[in-house]
Amino acid sequence: MSTHELTDVEREQMLDGLFQCLKITRQRPDREALEQEIIEYLGKNHPCTLATCSREGEPRASVVDYVNDGLELYIFSEGGGKFKNIRENNRVAVGIGTSVRTITSVRGVNIQGTAEVFTDDTSDFQRAFALFKPLLDDFEEKIGAPAEFPPGMVRIIRVKPHRMVYFHYLKGIAHAVWEKEEDGI
């Protein structure tokens, strides 16, 4: 059986047809509206999958929690193979999605970007660590004690997006592409 890769035109026609059948008006948000949609969705903090790849091309997927600061993601972690991969190849992908097993409930974002790792001896660590305060406060409340981490144990990964593809079918948004501008995010 041969396969056929959809062209951009074919994908758009297929999505237009899907929304027409579903009686949902197709939306094509401008850059500012798309950024706001994505930031609002990222703020829900659904679990995400961080994909990294070693120098040799060995892929790794890690399900992680994150917080966002605008379009940038921050991932709090104590270790794992993802750090070796990021040292060797800082290009990463992130997938965040939600659905309740119906075509119209699909919502999510696929992100391609670069990762940086902050350790407790780097200047950006404290600012990034402060983003996790609400989560750490909740954790401390649940365990009834302060969360303490040995020096050097905790690392924070910052993912800066270069390209994002966003879907929110109930709003009529599908395959909405955001790309980094040359002058910044």
N, C-alpha and C. Protein backbone atom coordinates (compact mmCIF):
# COMPACT_ATOMS: atom_id res chain seq x y z
N MET A 1 0.85 -1.18 0.00
CA MET A 1 0.00 0.00 0.00
C MET A 1 0.89 1.24 0.00
N SER A 2 0.63 2.14 -0.91
CA SER A 2 1.41 3.37 -0.95
C SER A 2 0.79 4.39 0.00
N THR A 3 1.61 5.31 0.45
CA THR A 3 1.12 6.37 1.33
C THR A 3 1.17 7.70 0.60
N HIS A 4 0.39 8.62 1.10
CA HIS A 4 0.33 9.95 0.50
C HIS A 4 0.48 10.96 1.63
N GLU A 5 1.47 11.81 1.55
CA GLU A 5 1.63 12.88 2.52
C GLU A 5 0.77 14.05 2.11
N LEU A 6 -0.03 14.55 3.03
CA LEU A 6 -0.90 15.69 2.73
C LEU A 6 -0.07 16.93 2.43
N THR A 7 -0.47 17.64 1.42
CA THR A 7 0.12 18.96 1.17
C THR A 7 -0.57 19.95 2.11
N ASP A 8 -0.01 21.12 2.26
CA ASP A 8 -0.65 22.16 3.08
C ASP A 8 -2.03 22.49 2.54
N VAL A 9 -2.16 22.58 1.24
CA VAL A 9 -3.46 22.90 0.62
C VAL A 9 -4.47 21.79 0.92
N GLU A 10 -4.06 20.53 0.77
CA GLU A 10 -4.96 19.41 1.04
C GLU A 10 -5.38 19.39 2.51
N ARG A 11 -4.43 19.67 3.43
CA ARG A 11 -4.76 19.69 4.86
C ARG A 11 -5.80 20.77 5.14
N GLU A 12 -5.60 21.96 4.59
CA GLU A 12 -6.54 23.05 4.81
C GLU A 12 -7.92 22.71 4.25
N GLN A 13 -7.97 22.11 3.07
CA GLN A 13 -9.26 21.70 2.49
C GLN A 13 -9.94 20.66 3.37
N MET A 14 -9.16 19.70 3.87
CA MET A 14 -9.71 18.65 4.72
C MET A 14 -10.27 19.26 6.02
N LEU A 15 -9.51 20.18 6.64
CA LEU A 15 -9.96 20.81 7.87
C LEU A 15 -11.19 21.69 7.64
N ASP A 16 -11.18 22.44 6.54
CA ASP A 16 -12.37 23.25 6.22
C ASP A 16 -13.60 22.35 6.08
N GLY A 17 -13.44 21.22 5.40
CA GLY A 17 -14.54 20.27 5.23
C GLY A 17 -15.00 19.69 6.56
N LEU A 18 -14.05 19.36 7.42
CA LEU A 18 -14.38 18.82 8.74
C LEU A 18 -15.23 19.82 9.52
N PHE A 19 -14.78 21.07 9.60
CA PHE A 19 -15.52 22.07 10.35
C PHE A 19 -16.88 22.36 9.73
N GLN A 20 -16.96 22.31 8.43
CA GLN A 20 -18.25 22.51 7.75
C GLN A 20 -19.21 21.40 8.15
N CYS A 21 -18.73 20.14 8.14
CA CYS A 21 -19.59 19.01 8.56
C CYS A 21 -20.00 19.13 10.02
N LEU A 22 -19.10 19.63 10.86
CA LEU A 22 -19.39 19.77 12.29
C LEU A 22 -20.21 21.02 12.60
N LYS A 23 -20.43 21.85 11.58
CA LYS A 23 -21.15 23.12 11.76
C LYS A 23 -20.46 24.04 12.76
N ILE A 24 -19.12 24.05 12.65
CA ILE A 24 -18.29 24.93 13.47
C ILE A 24 -17.59 25.89 12.50
N THR A 25 -17.67 27.18 12.80
CA THR A 25 -17.02 28.18 11.95
C THR A 25 -15.51 28.10 12.14
N ARG A 26 -14.79 27.96 11.05
CA ARG A 26 -13.33 27.87 11.09
C ARG A 26 -12.75 29.23 11.45
N GLN A 27 -11.85 29.23 12.41
CA GLN A 27 -11.18 30.46 12.85
C GLN A 27 -9.72 30.40 12.43
N ARG A 28 -9.19 31.53 12.02
CA ARG A 28 -7.77 31.65 11.70
C ARG A 28 -7.25 32.88 12.46
N PRO A 29 -6.89 32.67 13.74
CA PRO A 29 -6.48 33.82 14.55
C PRO A 29 -5.20 34.47 14.03
N ASP A 30 -5.12 35.81 14.19
CA ASP A 30 -3.88 36.50 13.84
C ASP A 30 -2.83 36.17 14.90
N ARG A 31 -1.61 36.62 14.70
CA ARG A 31 -0.50 36.27 15.59
C ARG A 31 -0.80 36.60 17.05
N GLU A 32 -1.29 37.81 17.31
CA GLU A 32 -1.55 38.22 18.69
C GLU A 32 -2.64 37.35 19.33
N ALA A 33 -3.73 37.12 18.62
CA ALA A 33 -4.81 36.28 19.14
C ALA A 33 -4.33 34.84 19.35
N LEU A 34 -3.51 34.34 18.44
CA LEU A 34 -2.99 32.98 18.58
C LEU A 34 -2.09 32.88 19.81
N GLU A 35 -1.22 33.87 20.00
CA GLU A 35 -0.36 33.87 21.20
C GLU A 35 -1.21 33.85 22.46
N GLN A 36 -2.27 34.65 22.51
CA GLN A 36 -3.14 34.67 23.69
C GLN A 36 -3.84 33.33 23.90
N GLU A 37 -4.30 32.72 22.82
CA GLU A 37 -4.92 31.38 22.91
C GLU A 37 -3.94 30.38 23.49
N ILE A 38 -2.71 30.38 22.99
CA ILE A 38 -1.70 29.42 23.44
C ILE A 38 -1.33 29.68 24.89
N ILE A 39 -1.11 30.95 25.26
CA ILE A 39 -0.76 31.27 26.65
C ILE A 39 -1.88 30.85 27.60
N GLU A 40 -3.12 31.09 27.21
CA GLU A 40 -4.26 30.68 28.06
C GLU A 40 -4.25 29.16 28.22
N TYR A 41 -4.01 28.44 27.15
CA TYR A 41 -4.00 26.98 27.22
C TYR A 41 -2.82 26.49 28.05
N LEU A 42 -1.63 27.05 27.84
CA LEU A 42 -0.47 26.65 28.63
C LEU A 42 -0.70 26.88 30.12
N GLY A 43 -1.44 27.93 30.46
CA GLY A 43 -1.72 28.25 31.85
C GLY A 43 -2.54 27.21 32.57
N LYS A 44 -3.15 26.30 31.84
CA LYS A 44 -3.93 25.21 32.47
C LYS A 44 -3.02 24.12 33.01
N ASN A 45 -1.75 24.14 32.62
CA ASN A 45 -0.73 23.22 33.13
C ASN A 45 -1.11 21.75 33.02
N HIS A 46 -1.57 21.34 31.85
CA HIS A 46 -1.79 19.92 31.60
C HIS A 46 -0.43 19.23 31.54
N PRO A 47 -0.35 17.96 31.93
CA PRO A 47 0.93 17.27 31.76
C PRO A 47 1.36 17.32 30.29
N CYS A 48 2.65 17.34 30.10
CA CYS A 48 3.15 17.42 28.73
C CYS A 48 4.23 16.36 28.52
N THR A 49 4.54 16.14 27.27
CA THR A 49 5.60 15.22 26.91
C THR A 49 6.73 16.03 26.29
N LEU A 50 7.91 15.90 26.90
CA LEU A 50 9.11 16.54 26.41
C LEU A 50 9.90 15.50 25.63
N ALA A 51 10.16 15.79 24.37
CA ALA A 51 10.93 14.87 23.52
C ALA A 51 12.33 15.45 23.30
N THR A 52 13.31 14.61 23.60
CA THR A 52 14.71 14.99 23.38
C THR A 52 15.35 13.92 22.51
N CYS A 53 16.54 14.21 22.03
CA CYS A 53 17.23 13.26 21.18
C CYS A 53 18.73 13.36 21.44
N SER A 54 19.37 12.21 21.59
CA SER A 54 20.81 12.20 21.84
C SER A 54 21.59 12.56 20.58
N ARG A 55 22.87 12.74 20.75
CA ARG A 55 23.75 13.03 19.62
C ARG A 55 23.67 11.93 18.57
N GLU A 56 23.48 10.68 19.02
CA GLU A 56 23.41 9.53 18.11
C GLU A 56 22.03 9.36 17.49
N GLY A 57 21.08 10.19 17.88
CA GLY A 57 19.74 10.11 17.30
C GLY A 57 18.78 9.24 18.09
N GLU A 58 19.16 8.86 19.30
CA GLU A 58 18.28 8.04 20.15
C GLU A 58 17.22 8.95 20.79
N PRO A 59 15.94 8.76 20.46
CA PRO A 59 14.90 9.62 21.01
C PRO A 59 14.53 9.23 22.44
N ARG A 60 14.00 10.21 23.17
CA ARG A 60 13.52 9.98 24.53
C ARG A 60 12.31 10.88 24.74
N ALA A 61 11.26 10.31 25.29
CA ALA A 61 10.07 11.08 25.63
C ALA A 61 9.87 11.01 27.14
N SER A 62 9.68 12.16 27.77
CA SER A 62 9.49 12.24 29.22
C SER A 62 8.19 12.98 29.49
N VAL A 63 7.30 12.36 30.23
CA VAL A 63 6.07 13.04 30.65
C VAL A 63 6.44 13.87 31.88
N VAL A 64 6.20 15.17 31.79
CA VAL A 64 6.63 16.09 32.84
C VAL A 64 5.54 17.12 33.12
N ASP A 65 5.66 17.74 34.28
CA ASP A 65 4.84 18.90 34.60
C ASP A 65 5.65 20.14 34.27
N TYR A 66 4.97 21.25 34.09
CA TYR A 66 5.65 22.49 33.72
C TYR A 66 4.86 23.67 34.26
N VAL A 67 5.47 24.82 34.22
CA VAL A 67 4.78 26.10 34.36
C VAL A 67 5.20 26.92 33.15
N ASN A 68 4.41 27.91 32.83
CA ASN A 68 4.79 28.77 31.71
C ASN A 68 4.93 30.21 32.16
N ASP A 69 5.75 30.91 31.46
CA ASP A 69 5.90 32.35 31.59
C ASP A 69 5.72 32.87 30.17
N GLY A 70 4.49 33.27 29.85
CA GLY A 70 4.17 33.59 28.47
C GLY A 70 4.24 32.33 27.64
N LEU A 71 5.00 32.37 26.57
CA LEU A 71 5.11 31.22 25.68
C LEU A 71 6.25 30.27 26.06
N GLU A 72 7.07 30.67 27.02
CA GLU A 72 8.19 29.82 27.44
C GLU A 72 7.72 28.84 28.51
N LEU A 73 8.24 27.60 28.43
CA LEU A 73 7.92 26.57 29.41
C LEU A 73 9.10 26.36 30.32
N TYR A 74 8.80 26.05 31.59
CA TYR A 74 9.82 25.72 32.58
C TYR A 74 9.46 24.37 33.19
N ILE A 75 10.43 23.49 33.21
CA ILE A 75 10.23 22.12 33.70
C ILE A 75 11.19 21.89 34.86
N PHE A 76 10.66 21.49 36.00
CA PHE A 76 11.39 21.26 37.24
C PHE A 76 11.70 19.77 37.32
N SER A 77 12.97 19.40 37.44
CA SER A 77 13.30 17.98 37.45
C SER A 77 14.58 17.74 38.22
N GLU A 78 14.66 16.55 38.79
CA GLU A 78 15.85 16.18 39.55
C GLU A 78 16.85 15.37 38.73
N GLY A 79 16.46 14.90 37.57
CA GLY A 79 17.44 14.16 36.77
C GLY A 79 16.79 13.38 35.65
N GLY A 80 17.56 12.47 35.08
CA GLY A 80 17.08 11.62 34.01
C GLY A 80 17.86 11.84 32.73
N GLY A 81 17.64 10.95 31.78
CA GLY A 81 18.34 10.97 30.51
C GLY A 81 18.08 12.19 29.67
N LYS A 82 17.00 12.90 29.96
CA LYS A 82 16.69 14.11 29.18
C LYS A 82 17.80 15.14 29.30
N PHE A 83 18.48 15.18 30.46
CA PHE A 83 19.54 16.18 30.65
C PHE A 83 20.77 15.86 29.81
N LYS A 84 21.12 14.61 29.72
CA LYS A 84 22.24 14.20 28.86
C LYS A 84 21.90 14.55 27.41
N ASN A 85 20.68 14.22 27.00
CA ASN A 85 20.28 14.53 25.62
C ASN A 85 20.33 16.03 25.34
N ILE A 86 19.85 16.85 26.28
CA ILE A 86 19.84 18.30 26.07
C ILE A 86 21.27 18.84 25.99
N ARG A 87 22.18 18.28 26.80
CA ARG A 87 23.58 18.71 26.70
C ARG A 87 24.14 18.42 25.30
N GLU A 88 23.73 17.28 24.73
CA GLU A 88 24.25 16.88 23.43
C GLU A 88 23.50 17.52 22.26
N ASN A 89 22.23 17.84 22.47
CA ASN A 89 21.38 18.35 21.39
C ASN A 89 20.25 19.13 22.05
N ASN A 90 20.32 20.45 22.03
CA ASN A 90 19.33 21.24 22.78
C ASN A 90 18.03 21.49 22.01
N ARG A 91 17.89 20.90 20.83
CA ARG A 91 16.61 21.02 20.11
C ARG A 91 15.63 20.00 20.70
N VAL A 92 14.45 20.49 21.08
CA VAL A 92 13.45 19.64 21.74
C VAL A 92 12.09 19.86 21.10
N ALA A 93 11.19 18.96 21.42
CA ALA A 93 9.78 19.10 21.04
C ALA A 93 8.94 18.83 22.29
N VAL A 94 7.81 19.50 22.36
CA VAL A 94 6.88 19.32 23.48
C VAL A 94 5.50 19.13 22.90
N GLY A 95 4.76 18.17 23.43
CA GLY A 95 3.38 17.96 23.05
C GLY A 95 2.50 18.07 24.28
N ILE A 96 1.47 18.90 24.19
CA ILE A 96 0.49 19.05 25.28
C ILE A 96 -0.87 18.92 24.62
N GLY A 97 -1.68 18.03 25.12
CA GLY A 97 -2.99 17.86 24.50
C GLY A 97 -4.03 17.36 25.46
N THR A 98 -5.27 17.69 25.15
CA THR A 98 -6.41 17.22 25.93
C THR A 98 -7.51 16.83 24.97
N SER A 99 -8.25 15.83 25.34
CA SER A 99 -9.37 15.37 24.54
C SER A 99 -10.21 14.44 25.41
N VAL A 100 -11.48 14.38 25.12
CA VAL A 100 -12.36 13.44 25.82
C VAL A 100 -12.92 12.44 24.83
N ARG A 101 -12.07 12.02 23.92
CA ARG A 101 -12.37 10.96 22.95
C ARG A 101 -13.46 11.32 21.96
N THR A 102 -13.56 12.59 21.64
CA THR A 102 -14.43 13.02 20.54
C THR A 102 -13.62 13.95 19.66
N ILE A 103 -13.90 13.96 18.39
CA ILE A 103 -13.14 14.78 17.45
C ILE A 103 -13.24 16.26 17.78
N THR A 104 -14.39 16.70 18.28
CA THR A 104 -14.55 18.13 18.55
C THR A 104 -13.88 18.58 19.84
N SER A 105 -13.46 17.65 20.69
CA SER A 105 -12.84 18.05 21.95
C SER A 105 -11.32 18.20 21.85
N VAL A 106 -10.75 17.94 20.68
CA VAL A 106 -9.30 18.01 20.53
C VAL A 106 -8.81 19.43 20.78
N ARG A 107 -7.84 19.53 21.69
CA ARG A 107 -7.20 20.82 21.98
C ARG A 107 -5.77 20.53 22.38
N GLY A 108 -4.85 21.29 21.85
CA GLY A 108 -3.47 21.07 22.22
C GLY A 108 -2.52 21.92 21.43
N VAL A 109 -1.24 21.76 21.76
CA VAL A 109 -0.19 22.50 21.09
C VAL A 109 1.04 21.60 20.95
N ASN A 110 1.64 21.65 19.78
CA ASN A 110 2.91 20.98 19.52
C ASN A 110 3.96 22.07 19.39
N ILE A 111 5.04 21.90 20.13
CA ILE A 111 6.06 22.95 20.21
C ILE A 111 7.41 22.39 19.77
N GLN A 112 8.10 23.14 18.95
CA GLN A 112 9.50 22.86 18.62
C GLN A 112 10.30 24.03 19.16
N GLY A 113 11.41 23.74 19.83
CA GLY A 113 12.20 24.84 20.38
C GLY A 113 13.56 24.39 20.84
N THR A 114 14.19 25.25 21.61
CA THR A 114 15.49 24.93 22.19
C THR A 114 15.36 24.94 23.70
N ALA A 115 16.16 24.09 24.32
CA ALA A 115 16.13 23.95 25.78
C ALA A 115 17.44 24.45 26.39
N GLU A 116 17.30 25.06 27.55
CA GLU A 116 18.43 25.46 28.38
C GLU A 116 18.21 24.85 29.75
N VAL A 117 19.27 24.47 30.41
CA VAL A 117 19.17 23.90 31.75
C VAL A 117 19.78 24.87 32.74
N PHE A 118 19.02 25.17 33.80
CA PHE A 118 19.49 26.03 34.87
C PHE A 118 19.73 25.16 36.11
N THR A 119 20.88 25.36 36.74
CA THR A 119 21.18 24.70 38.02
C THR A 119 21.19 25.77 39.10
N ASP A 120 21.18 25.33 40.36
CA ASP A 120 21.05 26.29 41.45
C ASP A 120 22.24 27.24 41.56
N ASP A 121 23.27 27.04 40.76
CA ASP A 121 24.41 27.97 40.75
C ASP A 121 24.41 28.90 39.53
N THR A 122 23.29 28.95 38.80
CA THR A 122 23.19 29.84 37.65
C THR A 122 22.26 31.02 37.98
N SER A 123 22.48 32.13 37.32
CA SER A 123 21.73 33.35 37.65
C SER A 123 20.24 33.24 37.33
N ASP A 124 19.87 32.50 36.30
CA ASP A 124 18.46 32.39 35.92
C ASP A 124 17.67 31.41 36.79
N PHE A 125 18.37 30.60 37.58
CA PHE A 125 17.69 29.56 38.36
C PHE A 125 16.67 30.14 39.34
N GLN A 126 17.04 31.14 40.13
CA GLN A 126 16.15 31.66 41.16
C GLN A 126 14.88 32.25 40.58
N ARG A 127 15.00 32.98 39.47
CA ARG A 127 13.80 33.54 38.83
C ARG A 127 12.90 32.42 38.33
N ALA A 128 13.51 31.41 37.71
CA ALA A 128 12.73 30.28 37.21
C ALA A 128 12.13 29.49 38.37
N PHE A 129 12.90 29.29 39.43
CA PHE A 129 12.43 28.54 40.60
C PHE A 129 11.21 29.23 41.22
N ALA A 130 11.21 30.56 41.23
CA ALA A 130 10.07 31.32 41.80
C ALA A 130 8.77 31.04 41.06
N LEU A 131 8.85 30.69 39.77
CA LEU A 131 7.64 30.36 39.01
C LEU A 131 6.93 29.12 39.58
N PHE A 132 7.68 28.27 40.27
CA PHE A 132 7.12 27.03 40.83
C PHE A 132 6.58 27.22 42.25
N LYS A 133 6.65 28.43 42.81
CA LYS A 133 6.22 28.66 44.19
C LYS A 133 4.82 28.15 44.49
N PRO A 134 3.80 28.43 43.65
CA PRO A 134 2.47 27.89 43.97
C PRO A 134 2.45 26.36 44.05
N LEU A 135 3.17 25.69 43.18
CA LEU A 135 3.22 24.22 43.22
C LEU A 135 3.96 23.74 44.45
N LEU A 136 5.06 24.39 44.79
CA LEU A 136 5.82 23.99 45.98
C LEU A 136 5.05 24.28 47.25
N ASP A 137 4.32 25.41 47.30
CA ASP A 137 3.48 25.71 48.47
C ASP A 137 2.42 24.63 48.66
N ASP A 138 1.79 24.20 47.56
CA ASP A 138 0.80 23.14 47.63
C ASP A 138 1.43 21.84 48.12
N PHE A 139 2.60 21.51 47.61
CA PHE A 139 3.32 20.30 48.02
C PHE A 139 3.65 20.36 49.52
N GLU A 140 4.17 21.50 49.97
CA GLU A 140 4.52 21.65 51.38
C GLU A 140 3.29 21.53 52.27
N GLU A 141 2.16 22.08 51.82
CA GLU A 141 0.91 21.96 52.59
C GLU A 141 0.49 20.50 52.71
N LYS A 142 0.63 19.76 51.63
CA LYS A 142 0.22 18.35 51.63
C LYS A 142 1.12 17.48 52.52
N ILE A 143 2.43 17.77 52.52
CA ILE A 143 3.33 16.94 53.34
C ILE A 143 3.52 17.50 54.75
N GLY A 144 3.07 18.75 54.98
CA GLY A 144 3.17 19.35 56.30
C GLY A 144 4.58 19.72 56.70
N ALA A 145 5.44 19.95 55.73
CA ALA A 145 6.83 20.31 56.01
C ALA A 145 7.38 21.08 54.82
N PRO A 146 8.45 21.85 55.06
CA PRO A 146 9.05 22.57 53.94
C PRO A 146 9.70 21.61 52.94
N ALA A 147 9.62 21.96 51.68
CA ALA A 147 10.30 21.17 50.65
C ALA A 147 11.76 21.60 50.62
N GLU A 148 12.63 20.66 50.89
CA GLU A 148 14.06 20.96 50.90
C GLU A 148 14.75 20.07 49.88
N PHE A 149 15.66 20.68 49.16
CA PHE A 149 16.38 19.96 48.11
C PHE A 149 17.87 20.08 48.35
N PRO A 150 18.58 18.96 48.31
CA PRO A 150 20.04 19.04 48.47
C PRO A 150 20.64 19.91 47.37
N PRO A 151 21.70 20.66 47.67
CA PRO A 151 22.34 21.49 46.65
C PRO A 151 22.71 20.66 45.42
N GLY A 152 22.43 21.23 44.26
CA GLY A 152 22.78 20.57 43.01
C GLY A 152 21.80 19.53 42.51
N MET A 153 20.77 19.19 43.30
CA MET A 153 19.84 18.15 42.90
C MET A 153 18.82 18.62 41.86
N VAL A 154 18.26 19.80 42.09
CA VAL A 154 17.18 20.29 41.24
C VAL A 154 17.74 21.06 40.05
N ARG A 155 17.15 20.78 38.91
CA ARG A 155 17.48 21.53 37.69
C ARG A 155 16.17 21.99 37.06
N ILE A 156 16.25 23.07 36.33
CA ILE A 156 15.08 23.61 35.64
C ILE A 156 15.43 23.74 34.17
N ILE A 157 14.54 23.21 33.35
CA ILE A 157 14.70 23.30 31.90
C ILE A 157 13.79 24.41 31.40
N ARG A 158 14.35 25.32 30.63
CA ARG A 158 13.53 26.34 29.97
C ARG A 158 13.46 25.98 28.48
N VAL A 159 12.24 25.90 27.96
CA VAL A 159 12.04 25.64 26.54
C VAL A 159 11.58 26.94 25.90
N LYS A 160 12.39 27.42 24.95
CA LYS A 160 12.04 28.61 24.17
C LYS A 160 11.49 28.13 22.83
N PRO A 161 10.23 28.43 22.54
CA PRO A 161 9.63 27.93 21.30
C PRO A 161 10.15 28.64 20.06
N HIS A 162 10.30 27.86 18.99
CA HIS A 162 10.62 28.42 17.67
C HIS A 162 9.40 28.31 16.76
N ARG A 163 8.64 27.22 16.96
CA ARG A 163 7.45 26.97 16.13
C ARG A 163 6.43 26.24 16.98
N MET A 164 5.17 26.66 16.87
CA MET A 164 4.09 26.00 17.59
C MET A 164 2.91 25.80 16.64
N VAL A 165 2.25 24.67 16.80
CA VAL A 165 1.04 24.39 16.04
C VAL A 165 -0.07 24.14 17.06
N TYR A 166 -1.13 24.94 16.98
CA TYR A 166 -2.20 24.92 17.99
C TYR A 166 -3.50 24.43 17.38
N PHE A 167 -4.25 23.68 18.19
CA PHE A 167 -5.55 23.14 17.81
C PHE A 167 -6.55 23.43 18.92
N HIS A 168 -7.73 23.87 18.58
CA HIS A 168 -8.85 23.99 19.52
C HIS A 168 -10.12 23.83 18.69
N TYR A 169 -10.49 22.59 18.45
CA TYR A 169 -11.56 22.29 17.51
C TYR A 169 -12.90 22.92 17.88
N LEU A 170 -13.24 22.96 19.17
CA LEU A 170 -14.53 23.55 19.55
C LEU A 170 -14.61 25.03 19.16
N LYS A 171 -13.47 25.70 19.08
CA LYS A 171 -13.43 27.10 18.64
C LYS A 171 -13.21 27.21 17.15
N GLY A 172 -13.03 26.09 16.48
CA GLY A 172 -12.81 26.14 15.03
C GLY A 172 -11.37 26.42 14.65
N ILE A 173 -10.46 26.21 15.58
CA ILE A 173 -9.04 26.47 15.30
C ILE A 173 -8.34 25.13 15.07
N ALA A 174 -7.67 25.02 13.92
CA ALA A 174 -6.92 23.80 13.62
C ALA A 174 -5.67 24.15 12.85
N HIS A 175 -4.59 23.56 13.27
CA HIS A 175 -3.30 23.74 12.60
C HIS A 175 -2.95 25.22 12.45
N ALA A 176 -3.13 25.97 13.54
CA ALA A 176 -2.75 27.38 13.56
C ALA A 176 -1.27 27.44 13.91
N VAL A 177 -0.46 27.97 13.01
CA VAL A 177 1.00 27.94 13.17
C VAL A 177 1.52 29.28 13.67
N TRP A 178 2.33 29.22 14.72
CA TRP A 178 3.06 30.37 15.26
C TRP A 178 4.54 30.08 15.04
N GLU A 179 5.27 31.08 14.54
CA GLU A 179 6.71 30.91 14.38
C GLU A 179 7.41 32.12 14.99
N LYS A 180 8.57 31.84 15.59
CA LYS A 180 9.37 32.89 16.22
C LYS A 180 9.77 33.91 15.19
N GLU A 181 9.66 35.17 15.57
CA GLU A 181 10.14 36.24 14.72
C GLU A 181 11.63 36.39 14.96
N GLU A 182 12.34 36.86 13.99
CA GLU A 182 13.80 36.99 14.10
C GLU A 182 14.25 37.89 15.23
N ASP A 183 13.47 38.92 15.57
CA ASP A 183 13.87 39.88 16.60
C ASP A 183 13.50 39.46 18.01
N GLY A 184 12.96 38.28 18.21
CA GLY A 184 12.58 37.84 19.55
C GLY A 184 11.48 36.85 19.48
N ILE A 185 10.80 36.68 20.61
CA ILE A 185 9.77 35.65 20.71
C ILE A 185 8.47 36.06 20.19
